[in-house]
Amino acid sequence: MSAKASSDKTSQKLAGKKVAMLVANGFEQVELTEPKRALEEAGAKVSIVSPESGKVKGWKVTEWGDKFPVDVPLEQAQSDDFDALVLPGGVMNPDQLRRNEWALQFARAFFEAGKPVAAICHGPWTLIDAGIVEGRTMTSYPSIQTDLKNAGAKWVDQEVVVDNGLVTSRSPDDLPAFISKIVEEIAEGVHART
C-alpha cells in the first residue's frame, strides 16, 4: 500500500460517524477546536450542540474567545442522530450544562446506549449530574476530583482514562492523548457499560 493510500485510510477512520460536541457559553475554546479539527480530519461530521441560540462563545484561558455557530439547538438534538458525545470543559460551560435537564438527558442517552462519551477538564461535572459516573474510573481537572469521588467515581491522576467507552482527561495539556483515545473509541463503536 502506498503512503498516500495509507494516509487516506487513516484520515477516513471515522468516515460516516457523527459526533455531537455539547457546549454552553464559556467552554474552554481549545477543548472544542482541537478535538473538532482532529475528528473532522478523521472523517467524522462534528456538530456543535448548545442551549444557546445562533452562536456560542468560547473562553480562551483568561478572557472571552471566539463565537461559534450552533449546528443543532439542544432542545432539538437527538442522541440517536449521533455516534458519540464530546464535552469540552472550562468552568462556566459545564456549570451551566449540569443545571440543564435537556443536557443531562442528552448525555445520559449516549451513555445508556453504550456510545462513546468523552469529557475533559471540568466537563465531567455534567456527567455527575447526569448520574452516570458511579463505579467508573475517571480523571478530570484536579479541582473537581472530590466531586467525582463523592458521586462514586474512582478518580485517578492520568492524562487520559478510558472506562468502557467513557474517555476523560485533565486539561488542555492532555489534548493529544484525549483526542487519540476519542478517535479510537468512536472507531470501535458501541461499548458495553459493565
C-alpha atoms as a PDB file:
ATOM      1  CA  MET A   1       0.000   0.000   0.000  1.00  0.00           C
ATOM      2  CA  SER A   2       1.393   3.412  -0.909  1.00  0.00           C
ATOM      3  CA  ALA A   3       1.998   6.065   1.754  1.00  0.00           C
ATOM      4  CA  LYS A   4      -0.808   8.162   0.266  1.00  0.00           C
ATOM      5  CA  ALA A   5      -3.278   5.246   0.328  1.00  0.00           C
ATOM      6  CA  SER A   6      -2.288   4.522   3.910  1.00  0.00           C
ATOM      7  CA  SER A   7      -2.737   8.198   4.829  1.00  0.00           C
ATOM      8  CA  ASP A   8      -6.148   8.315   3.123  1.00  0.00           C
ATOM      9  CA  LYS A   9      -7.258   5.218   5.030  1.00  0.00           C
ATOM     10  CA  THR A  10      -6.146   6.745   8.347  1.00  0.00           C
ATOM     11  CA  SER A  11      -7.736  10.082   7.545  1.00  0.00           C
ATOM     12  CA  GLN A  12     -11.090   8.407   6.966  1.00  0.00           C
ATOM     13  CA  LYS A  13     -11.037   6.214  10.084  1.00  0.00           C
ATOM     14  CA  LEU A  14     -14.284   7.853  11.227  1.00  0.00           C
ATOM     15  CA  ALA A  15     -15.978   8.208   7.833  1.00  0.00           C
ATOM     16  CA  GLY A  16     -19.755   8.208   8.282  1.00  0.00           C
ATOM     17  CA  LYS A  17     -19.555   8.828  12.038  1.00  0.00           C
ATOM     18  CA  LYS A  18     -21.446  11.756  13.567  1.00  0.00           C
ATOM     19  CA  VAL A  19     -20.197  13.417  16.743  1.00  0.00           C
ATOM     20  CA  ALA A  20     -22.021  15.902  18.968  1.00  0.00           C
ATOM     21  CA  MET A  21     -19.978  18.458  20.914  1.00  0.00           C
ATOM     22  CA  LEU A  22     -22.191  19.822  23.697  1.00  0.00           C
ATOM     23  CA  VAL A  23     -21.280  23.307  24.949  1.00  0.00           C
ATOM     24  CA  ALA A  24     -22.739  26.395  26.610  1.00  0.00           C
ATOM     25  CA  ASN A  25     -21.122  29.843  26.727  1.00  0.00           C
ATOM     26  CA  GLY A  26     -17.726  29.796  28.424  1.00  0.00           C
ATOM     27  CA  PHE A  27     -16.368  26.465  27.147  1.00  0.00           C
ATOM     28  CA  GLU A  28     -12.565  26.262  27.027  1.00  0.00           C
ATOM     29  CA  GLN A  29     -12.124  27.083  23.350  1.00  0.00           C
ATOM     30  CA  VAL A  30      -9.126  24.855  22.590  1.00  0.00           C
ATOM     31  CA  GLU A  31     -11.012  21.895  24.104  1.00  0.00           C
ATOM     32  CA  LEU A  32     -13.579  22.294  21.327  1.00  0.00           C
ATOM     33  CA  THR A  33     -11.439  23.429  18.389  1.00  0.00           C
ATOM     34  CA  GLU A  34      -8.659  20.825  18.642  1.00  0.00           C
ATOM     35  CA  PRO A  35     -10.872  17.723  19.033  1.00  0.00           C
ATOM     36  CA  LYS A  36     -13.288  19.055  16.388  1.00  0.00           C
ATOM     37  CA  ARG A  37     -10.481  19.554  13.871  1.00  0.00           C
ATOM     38  CA  ALA A  38      -8.997  16.094  14.552  1.00  0.00           C
ATOM     39  CA  LEU A  39     -12.360  14.332  14.349  1.00  0.00           C
ATOM     40  CA  GLU A  40     -13.178  16.061  11.063  1.00  0.00           C
ATOM     41  CA  GLU A  41      -9.749  15.168   9.680  1.00  0.00           C
ATOM     42  CA  ALA A  42     -10.531  11.548  10.592  1.00  0.00           C
ATOM     43  CA  GLY A  43     -13.719  11.763   8.512  1.00  0.00           C
ATOM     44  CA  ALA A  44     -16.370  12.427  11.172  1.00  0.00           C
ATOM     45  CA  LYS A  45     -19.137  15.005  10.853  1.00  0.00           C
ATOM     46  CA  VAL A  46     -18.996  17.127  14.014  1.00  0.00           C
ATOM     47  CA  SER A  47     -21.955  19.218  15.187  1.00  0.00           C
ATOM     48  CA  ILE A  48     -21.918  21.860  17.892  1.00  0.00           C
ATOM     49  CA  VAL A  49     -24.970  21.303  20.093  1.00  0.00           C
ATOM     50  CA  SER A  50     -25.866  24.057  22.547  1.00  0.00           C
ATOM     51  CA  PRO A  51     -28.661  25.535  24.647  1.00  0.00           C
ATOM     52  CA  GLU A  52     -27.542  28.895  23.187  1.00  0.00           C
ATOM     53  CA  SER A  53     -29.259  30.085  20.034  1.00  0.00           C
ATOM     54  CA  GLY A  54     -27.343  31.144  16.950  1.00  0.00           C
ATOM     55  CA  LYS A  55     -23.812  31.261  18.326  1.00  0.00           C
ATOM     56  CA  VAL A  56     -21.992  30.065  21.426  1.00  0.00           C
ATOM     57  CA  LYS A  57     -18.982  31.867  22.910  1.00  0.00           C
ATOM     58  CA  GLY A  58     -15.687  30.243  23.846  1.00  0.00           C
ATOM     59  CA  TRP A  59     -13.258  31.123  26.625  1.00  0.00           C
ATOM     60  CA  LYS A  60      -9.509  31.487  25.985  1.00  0.00           C
ATOM     61  CA  VAL A  61      -7.709  30.791  29.280  1.00  0.00           C
ATOM     62  CA  THR A  62      -8.427  34.190  30.936  1.00  0.00           C
ATOM     63  CA  GLU A  63     -10.740  36.044  28.546  1.00  0.00           C
ATOM     64  CA  TRP A  64     -13.661  35.587  26.196  1.00  0.00           C
ATOM     65  CA  GLY A  65     -12.762  33.860  22.962  1.00  0.00           C
ATOM     66  CA  ASP A  66     -14.480  33.433  19.611  1.00  0.00           C
ATOM     67  CA  LYS A  67     -18.117  32.776  18.746  1.00  0.00           C
ATOM     68  CA  PHE A  68     -19.049  29.545  17.011  1.00  0.00           C
ATOM     69  CA  PRO A  69     -22.249  28.762  15.112  1.00  0.00           C
ATOM     70  CA  VAL A  70     -24.605  26.333  16.837  1.00  0.00           C
ATOM     71  CA  ASP A  71     -25.359  23.488  14.421  1.00  0.00           C
ATOM     72  CA  VAL A  72     -28.138  21.885  16.475  1.00  0.00           C
ATOM     73  CA  PRO A  73     -30.125  23.595  19.256  1.00  0.00           C
ATOM     74  CA  LEU A  74     -30.010  21.368  22.342  1.00  0.00           C
ATOM     75  CA  GLU A  75     -33.809  21.151  22.586  1.00  0.00           C
ATOM     76  CA  GLN A  76     -33.884  19.664  19.062  1.00  0.00           C
ATOM     77  CA  ALA A  77     -30.870  17.358  19.446  1.00  0.00           C
ATOM     78  CA  GLN A  78     -31.466  13.609  19.474  1.00  0.00           C
ATOM     79  CA  SER A  79     -28.756  11.234  20.674  1.00  0.00           C
ATOM     80  CA  ASP A  80     -29.970   8.718  18.071  1.00  0.00           C
ATOM     81  CA  ASP A  81     -28.616  11.075  15.383  1.00  0.00           C
ATOM     82  CA  PHE A  82     -25.037  10.771  16.679  1.00  0.00           C
ATOM     83  CA  ASP A  83     -22.400   8.112  17.280  1.00  0.00           C
ATOM     84  CA  ALA A  84     -20.549   9.863  20.127  1.00  0.00           C
ATOM     85  CA  LEU A  85     -20.631  12.822  22.523  1.00  0.00           C
ATOM     86  CA  VAL A  86     -17.739  15.141  23.451  1.00  0.00           C
ATOM     87  CA  LEU A  87     -17.949  17.520  26.436  1.00  0.00           C
ATOM     88  CA  PRO A  88     -15.310  20.271  26.421  1.00  0.00           C
ATOM     89  CA  GLY A  89     -14.536  21.857  29.772  1.00  0.00           C
ATOM     90  CA  GLY A  90     -13.908  25.312  31.079  1.00  0.00           C
ATOM     91  CA  VAL A  91     -15.638  26.302  34.315  1.00  0.00           C
ATOM     92  CA  MET A  92     -18.701  28.262  33.152  1.00  0.00           C
ATOM     93  CA  ASN A  93     -19.753  25.819  30.426  1.00  0.00           C
ATOM     94  CA  PRO A  94     -20.278  22.607  32.453  1.00  0.00           C
ATOM     95  CA  ASP A  95     -21.620  24.610  35.394  1.00  0.00           C
ATOM     96  CA  GLN A  96     -24.467  25.736  33.102  1.00  0.00           C
ATOM     97  CA  LEU A  97     -24.956  22.345  31.447  1.00  0.00           C
ATOM     98  CA  ARG A  98     -25.185  20.470  34.746  1.00  0.00           C
ATOM     99  CA  ARG A  99     -28.244  22.559  35.625  1.00  0.00           C
ATOM    100  CA  ASN A 100     -29.940  21.997  32.259  1.00  0.00           C
ATOM    101  CA  GLU A 101     -32.247  18.959  32.220  1.00  0.00           C
ATOM    102  CA  TRP A 102     -32.074  18.734  28.390  1.00  0.00           C
ATOM    103  CA  ALA A 103     -28.268  18.496  28.594  1.00  0.00           C
ATOM    104  CA  LEU A 104     -28.414  15.839  31.315  1.00  0.00           C
ATOM    105  CA  GLN A 105     -30.919  13.729  29.371  1.00  0.00           C
ATOM    106  CA  PHE A 106     -28.856  14.117  26.187  1.00  0.00           C
ATOM    107  CA  ALA A 107     -25.640  12.935  27.908  1.00  0.00           C
ATOM    108  CA  ARG A 108     -27.432  10.114  29.732  1.00  0.00           C
ATOM    109  CA  ALA A 109     -28.907   8.801  26.463  1.00  0.00           C
ATOM    110  CA  PHE A 110     -25.438   8.388  24.905  1.00  0.00           C
ATOM    111  CA  PHE A 111     -24.181   6.589  27.969  1.00  0.00           C
ATOM    112  CA  GLU A 112     -27.170   4.259  28.224  1.00  0.00           C
ATOM    113  CA  ALA A 113     -26.846   3.357  24.528  1.00  0.00           C
ATOM    114  CA  GLY A 114     -23.168   2.417  25.031  1.00  0.00           C
ATOM    115  CA  LYS A 115     -21.968   5.172  22.703  1.00  0.00           C
ATOM    116  CA  PRO A 116     -18.587   6.777  23.367  1.00  0.00           C
ATOM    117  CA  VAL A 117     -18.725   9.774  25.708  1.00  0.00           C
ATOM    118  CA  ALA A 118     -15.661  11.986  26.227  1.00  0.00           C
ATOM    119  CA  ALA A 119     -15.189  14.789  28.773  1.00  0.00           C
ATOM    120  CA  ILE A 120     -12.162  16.921  29.546  1.00  0.00           C
ATOM    121  CA  CYS A 121     -11.213  19.336  32.324  1.00  0.00           C
ATOM    122  CA  HIS A 122     -14.421  20.364  34.181  1.00  0.00           C
ATOM    123  CA  GLY A 123     -16.579  18.544  31.580  1.00  0.00           C
ATOM    124  CA  PRO A 124     -17.277  15.602  33.941  1.00  0.00           C
ATOM    125  CA  TRP A 125     -19.421  17.929  36.095  1.00  0.00           C
ATOM    126  CA  THR A 126     -22.202  17.413  33.550  1.00  0.00           C
ATOM    127  CA  LEU A 127     -21.767  13.629  33.801  1.00  0.00           C
ATOM    128  CA  ILE A 128     -22.015  13.767  37.604  1.00  0.00           C
ATOM    129  CA  ASP A 129     -25.399  15.461  37.427  1.00  0.00           C
ATOM    130  CA  ALA A 130     -26.491  13.080  34.660  1.00  0.00           C
ATOM    131  CA  GLY A 131     -25.947  10.284  37.198  1.00  0.00           C
ATOM    132  CA  ILE A 132     -23.517   8.252  35.109  1.00  0.00           C
ATOM    133  CA  VAL A 133     -20.160   8.340  36.916  1.00  0.00           C
ATOM    134  CA  GLU A 134     -20.763   5.914  39.778  1.00  0.00           C
ATOM    135  CA  GLY A 135     -18.360   2.980  39.615  1.00  0.00           C
ATOM    136  CA  ARG A 136     -16.368   4.491  36.722  1.00  0.00           C
ATOM    137  CA  THR A 137     -12.624   5.121  36.703  1.00  0.00           C
ATOM    138  CA  MET A 138     -12.141   8.717  35.565  1.00  0.00           C
ATOM    139  CA  THR A 139      -9.877  11.732  35.594  1.00  0.00           C
ATOM    140  CA  SER A 140     -10.616  15.466  35.400  1.00  0.00           C
ATOM    141  CA  TYR A 141      -9.222  18.844  36.271  1.00  0.00           C
ATOM    142  CA  PRO A 142      -7.821  18.225  39.776  1.00  0.00           C
ATOM    143  CA  SER A 143     -10.135  20.727  41.486  1.00  0.00           C
ATOM    144  CA  ILE A 144     -13.223  18.587  40.770  1.00  0.00           C
ATOM    145  CA  GLN A 145     -11.776  15.240  41.871  1.00  0.00           C
ATOM    146  CA  THR A 146     -13.703  15.402  45.159  1.00  0.00           C
ATOM    147  CA  ASP A 147     -16.947  15.976  43.232  1.00  0.00           C
ATOM    148  CA  LEU A 148     -16.273  12.843  41.180  1.00  0.00           C
ATOM    149  CA  LYS A 149     -15.300  10.794  44.227  1.00  0.00           C
ATOM    150  CA  ASN A 150     -18.429  11.933  46.083  1.00  0.00           C
ATOM    151  CA  ALA A 151     -20.503  10.830  43.065  1.00  0.00           C
ATOM    152  CA  GLY A 152     -18.980   7.335  43.279  1.00  0.00           C
ATOM    153  CA  ALA A 153     -16.252   7.519  40.626  1.00  0.00           C
ATOM    154  CA  LYS A 154     -12.717   6.259  41.142  1.00  0.00           C
ATOM    155  CA  TRP A 155     -10.574   9.334  40.357  1.00  0.00           C
ATOM    156  CA  VAL A 156      -7.025   8.880  39.044  1.00  0.00           C
ATOM    157  CA  ASP A 157      -4.398  11.437  38.048  1.00  0.00           C
ATOM    158  CA  GLN A 158      -3.606  10.427  34.454  1.00  0.00           C
ATOM    159  CA  GLU A 159      -3.559  12.323  31.165  1.00  0.00           C
ATOM    160  CA  VAL A 160      -6.367  10.189  29.757  1.00  0.00           C
ATOM    161  CA  VAL A 161      -8.548   7.419  31.183  1.00  0.00           C
ATOM    162  CA  VAL A 162     -10.872   5.094  29.253  1.00  0.00           C
ATOM    163  CA  ASP A 163     -13.584   3.107  31.031  1.00  0.00           C
ATOM    164  CA  ASN A 164     -15.758   1.120  28.591  1.00  0.00           C
ATOM    165  CA  GLY A 165     -16.063   3.938  26.068  1.00  0.00           C
ATOM    166  CA  LEU A 166     -16.059   6.753  28.652  1.00  0.00           C
ATOM    167  CA  VAL A 167     -12.984   8.910  27.921  1.00  0.00           C
ATOM    168  CA  THR A 168     -11.794  11.568  30.391  1.00  0.00           C
ATOM    169  CA  SER A 169      -8.784  13.897  30.532  1.00  0.00           C
ATOM    170  CA  ARG A 170      -7.442  16.551  32.910  1.00  0.00           C
ATOM    171  CA  SER A 171      -6.655  19.722  30.948  1.00  0.00           C
ATOM    172  CA  PRO A 172      -5.687  21.245  27.586  1.00  0.00           C
ATOM    173  CA  ASP A 173      -2.155  19.908  28.144  1.00  0.00           C
ATOM    174  CA  ASP A 174      -3.607  16.417  27.720  1.00  0.00           C
ATOM    175  CA  LEU A 175      -5.415  17.126  24.432  1.00  0.00           C
ATOM    176  CA  PRO A 176      -3.164  14.944  22.211  1.00  0.00           C
ATOM    177  CA  ALA A 177      -3.825  11.830  24.342  1.00  0.00           C
ATOM    178  CA  PHE A 178      -7.511  12.760  24.778  1.00  0.00           C
ATOM    179  CA  ILE A 179      -8.059  13.199  21.041  1.00  0.00           C
ATOM    180  CA  SER A 180      -6.255   9.968  20.181  1.00  0.00           C
ATOM    181  CA  LYS A 181      -8.479   7.988  22.559  1.00  0.00           C
ATOM    182  CA  ILE A 182     -11.671   9.687  21.342  1.00  0.00           C
ATOM    183  CA  VAL A 183     -10.876   8.676  17.763  1.00  0.00           C
ATOM    184  CA  GLU A 184     -10.067   5.138  18.867  1.00  0.00           C
ATOM    185  CA  GLU A 185     -13.248   4.731  20.940  1.00  0.00           C
ATOM    186  CA  ILE A 186     -15.512   6.156  18.221  1.00  0.00           C
ATOM    187  CA  ALA A 187     -13.921   3.855  15.646  1.00  0.00           C
ATOM    188  CA  GLU A 188     -14.657   0.891  17.949  1.00  0.00           C
ATOM    189  CA  GLY A 189     -18.352   1.830  18.163  1.00  0.00           C
ATOM    190  CA  VAL A 190     -20.798   0.867  20.887  1.00  0.00           C
ATOM    191  CA  HIS A 191     -19.336  -0.286  24.226  1.00  0.00           C
ATOM    192  CA  ALA A 192     -20.792  -2.467  26.938  1.00  0.00           C
ATOM    193  CA  ARG A 193     -21.374  -0.467  30.124  1.00  0.00           C
ATOM    194  CA  THR A 194     -20.331  -3.167  32.597  1.00  0.00           C
END
